[in-house]
Amino acid sequence: MLGDSAHATTPNLDQGACQAIESAFALARLLHLEPTLEKALQVYYRLRKKRTVFTTQTSWQVG
């Protein structure tokens, strides 16, 4: 759900830990703001998908 476990990147961009931190922050914030776990996870997925897909695809293209 977070970091490399959800969106593995190649080591050339050093984004594994960065993505995990960004994802953890986003999820923690949403768990605080949203009324249910289900809603928090839905919003989390929508918010993080574009960024993580871009980062993962870029790492594989550059690597």
N, C-alpha and C. Protein backbone atom coordinates (compact mmCIF):
# COMPACT_ATOMS: atom_id res chain seq x y z
N MET A 1 0.80 -1.19 0.00
CA MET A 1 0.00 0.00 0.00
C MET A 1 0.85 1.27 0.00
N LEU A 2 2.08 1.16 0.53
CA LEU A 2 2.95 2.34 0.59
C LEU A 2 4.32 2.02 0.00
N GLY A 3 4.93 3.03 -0.60
CA GLY A 3 6.31 2.91 -1.06
C GLY A 3 6.53 1.82 -2.08
N ASP A 4 7.70 1.18 -2.00
CA ASP A 4 8.08 0.15 -2.97
C ASP A 4 7.13 -1.04 -2.98
N SER A 5 6.48 -1.31 -1.87
CA SER A 5 5.57 -2.46 -1.85
C SER A 5 4.39 -2.25 -2.80
N ALA A 6 4.05 -1.02 -3.06
CA ALA A 6 2.92 -0.73 -3.95
C ALA A 6 3.36 -0.29 -5.34
N HIS A 7 4.50 0.35 -5.44
CA HIS A 7 4.96 0.87 -6.71
C HIS A 7 6.48 0.86 -6.74
N ALA A 8 7.00 -0.29 -7.11
CA ALA A 8 8.46 -0.46 -7.10
C ALA A 8 9.11 0.39 -8.18
N THR A 9 10.15 1.10 -7.78
CA THR A 9 10.92 1.90 -8.72
C THR A 9 12.33 1.32 -8.80
N THR A 10 13.01 1.65 -9.85
CA THR A 10 14.40 1.23 -9.98
C THR A 10 15.25 2.13 -9.07
N PRO A 11 16.42 1.66 -8.65
CA PRO A 11 17.21 2.43 -7.68
C PRO A 11 17.83 3.71 -8.23
N ASN A 12 17.82 3.91 -9.52
CA ASN A 12 18.47 5.07 -10.11
C ASN A 12 17.82 6.40 -9.73
N LEU A 13 16.56 6.42 -9.38
CA LEU A 13 15.88 7.67 -9.01
C LEU A 13 15.82 7.88 -7.50
N ASP A 14 16.18 6.87 -6.71
CA ASP A 14 16.11 6.97 -5.26
C ASP A 14 14.72 7.40 -4.78
N GLN A 15 13.69 6.82 -5.33
CA GLN A 15 12.34 7.24 -5.00
C GLN A 15 11.58 6.29 -4.08
N GLY A 16 12.13 5.12 -3.78
CA GLY A 16 11.41 4.17 -2.94
C GLY A 16 11.03 4.76 -1.60
N ALA A 17 11.99 5.25 -0.86
CA ALA A 17 11.71 5.83 0.45
C ALA A 17 10.92 7.13 0.33
N CYS A 18 11.22 7.92 -0.68
CA CYS A 18 10.50 9.19 -0.88
C CYS A 18 9.01 8.93 -1.11
N GLN A 19 8.71 7.97 -1.96
CA GLN A 19 7.31 7.65 -2.24
C GLN A 19 6.63 7.09 -0.99
N ALA A 20 7.35 6.31 -0.20
CA ALA A 20 6.77 5.76 1.02
C ALA A 20 6.42 6.87 2.01
N ILE A 21 7.29 7.85 2.13
CA ILE A 21 7.05 8.98 3.03
C ILE A 21 5.85 9.80 2.55
N GLU A 22 5.83 10.11 1.25
CA GLU A 22 4.70 10.87 0.70
C GLU A 22 3.39 10.12 0.90
N SER A 23 3.41 8.82 0.62
CA SER A 23 2.20 8.01 0.76
C SER A 23 1.75 7.92 2.21
N ALA A 24 2.69 7.72 3.11
CA ALA A 24 2.36 7.62 4.54
C ALA A 24 1.73 8.92 5.04
N PHE A 25 2.30 10.04 4.65
CA PHE A 25 1.75 11.33 5.05
C PHE A 25 0.34 11.51 4.51
N ALA A 26 0.16 11.20 3.23
CA ALA A 26 -1.16 11.36 2.61
C ALA A 26 -2.19 10.45 3.29
N LEU A 27 -1.81 9.21 3.54
CA LEU A 27 -2.75 8.27 4.17
C LEU A 27 -3.08 8.69 5.60
N ALA A 28 -2.09 9.10 6.35
CA ALA A 28 -2.34 9.54 7.73
C ALA A 28 -3.28 10.73 7.76
N ARG A 29 -3.06 11.66 6.86
CA ARG A 29 -3.93 12.85 6.81
C ARG A 29 -5.36 12.47 6.45
N LEU A 30 -5.49 11.58 5.46
CA LEU A 30 -6.83 11.17 5.04
C LEU A 30 -7.55 10.36 6.11
N LEU A 31 -6.81 9.54 6.84
CA LEU A 31 -7.43 8.78 7.93
C LEU A 31 -7.96 9.72 9.01
N HIS A 32 -7.32 10.86 9.16
CA HIS A 32 -7.78 11.86 10.12
C HIS A 32 -8.99 12.65 9.59
N LEU A 33 -8.99 12.93 8.29
CA LEU A 33 -10.02 13.80 7.71
C LEU A 33 -11.29 13.09 7.27
N GLU A 34 -11.16 11.88 6.78
CA GLU A 34 -12.32 11.18 6.20
C GLU A 34 -13.11 10.45 7.29
N PRO A 35 -14.42 10.31 7.08
CA PRO A 35 -15.26 9.71 8.12
C PRO A 35 -15.09 8.19 8.29
N THR A 36 -14.67 7.50 7.24
CA THR A 36 -14.52 6.05 7.32
C THR A 36 -13.19 5.63 6.69
N LEU A 37 -12.75 4.45 7.08
CA LEU A 37 -11.53 3.88 6.49
C LEU A 37 -11.72 3.67 4.99
N GLU A 38 -12.88 3.17 4.60
CA GLU A 38 -13.15 2.92 3.19
C GLU A 38 -13.03 4.21 2.36
N LYS A 39 -13.61 5.29 2.86
CA LYS A 39 -13.55 6.57 2.15
C LYS A 39 -12.12 7.09 2.10
N ALA A 40 -11.39 6.97 3.19
CA ALA A 40 -10.00 7.42 3.23
C ALA A 40 -9.17 6.67 2.20
N LEU A 41 -9.37 5.38 2.09
CA LEU A 41 -8.60 4.59 1.12
C LEU A 41 -8.98 4.91 -0.32
N GLN A 42 -10.24 5.19 -0.56
CA GLN A 42 -10.68 5.59 -1.90
C GLN A 42 -10.01 6.90 -2.33
N VAL A 43 -10.04 7.87 -1.44
CA VAL A 43 -9.44 9.17 -1.74
C VAL A 43 -7.92 9.02 -1.88
N TYR A 44 -7.32 8.25 -1.00
CA TYR A 44 -5.87 8.00 -1.06
C TYR A 44 -5.48 7.43 -2.41
N TYR A 45 -6.18 6.42 -2.87
CA TYR A 45 -5.87 5.80 -4.16
C TYR A 45 -5.96 6.83 -5.28
N ARG A 46 -7.02 7.61 -5.28
CA ARG A 46 -7.21 8.61 -6.33
C ARG A 46 -6.11 9.67 -6.29
N LEU A 47 -5.73 10.13 -5.11
CA LEU A 47 -4.70 11.16 -4.97
C LEU A 47 -3.31 10.67 -5.35
N ARG A 48 -2.97 9.47 -4.97
CA ARG A 48 -1.60 8.97 -5.15
C ARG A 48 -1.36 8.30 -6.50
N LYS A 49 -2.39 7.85 -7.16
CA LYS A 49 -2.21 7.06 -8.38
C LYS A 49 -1.41 7.80 -9.45
N LYS A 50 -1.78 9.00 -9.80
CA LYS A 50 -1.13 9.73 -10.89
C LYS A 50 0.36 9.92 -10.59
N ARG A 51 0.68 10.34 -9.40
CA ARG A 51 2.08 10.59 -9.02
C ARG A 51 2.90 9.30 -9.01
N THR A 52 2.35 8.25 -8.44
CA THR A 52 3.12 7.01 -8.36
C THR A 52 3.29 6.34 -9.72
N VAL A 53 2.29 6.41 -10.56
CA VAL A 53 2.41 5.85 -11.91
C VAL A 53 3.49 6.62 -12.68
N PHE A 54 3.48 7.94 -12.59
CA PHE A 54 4.49 8.75 -13.27
C PHE A 54 5.88 8.40 -12.77
N THR A 55 6.06 8.33 -11.47
CA THR A 55 7.37 8.05 -10.88
C THR A 55 7.86 6.66 -11.26
N THR A 56 6.98 5.69 -11.19
CA THR A 56 7.36 4.31 -11.52
C THR A 56 7.73 4.20 -13.00
N GLN A 57 6.91 4.74 -13.87
CA GLN A 57 7.20 4.66 -15.30
C GLN A 57 8.49 5.41 -15.64
N THR A 58 8.70 6.56 -15.05
CA THR A 58 9.92 7.32 -15.31
C THR A 58 11.15 6.56 -14.84
N SER A 59 11.06 5.93 -13.68
CA SER A 59 12.23 5.19 -13.18
C SER A 59 12.59 4.05 -14.11
N TRP A 60 11.59 3.37 -14.64
CA TRP A 60 11.89 2.26 -15.54
C TRP A 60 12.41 2.77 -16.89
N GLN A 61 11.92 3.90 -17.38
CA GLN A 61 12.41 4.46 -18.65
C GLN A 61 13.85 4.94 -18.51
N VAL A 62 14.14 5.64 -17.44
CA VAL A 62 15.50 6.18 -17.22
C VAL A 62 16.48 5.06 -16.91
N GLY A 63 16.02 4.09 -16.10
CA GLY A 63 16.89 2.99 -15.69
C GLY A 63 17.19 2.05 -16.80
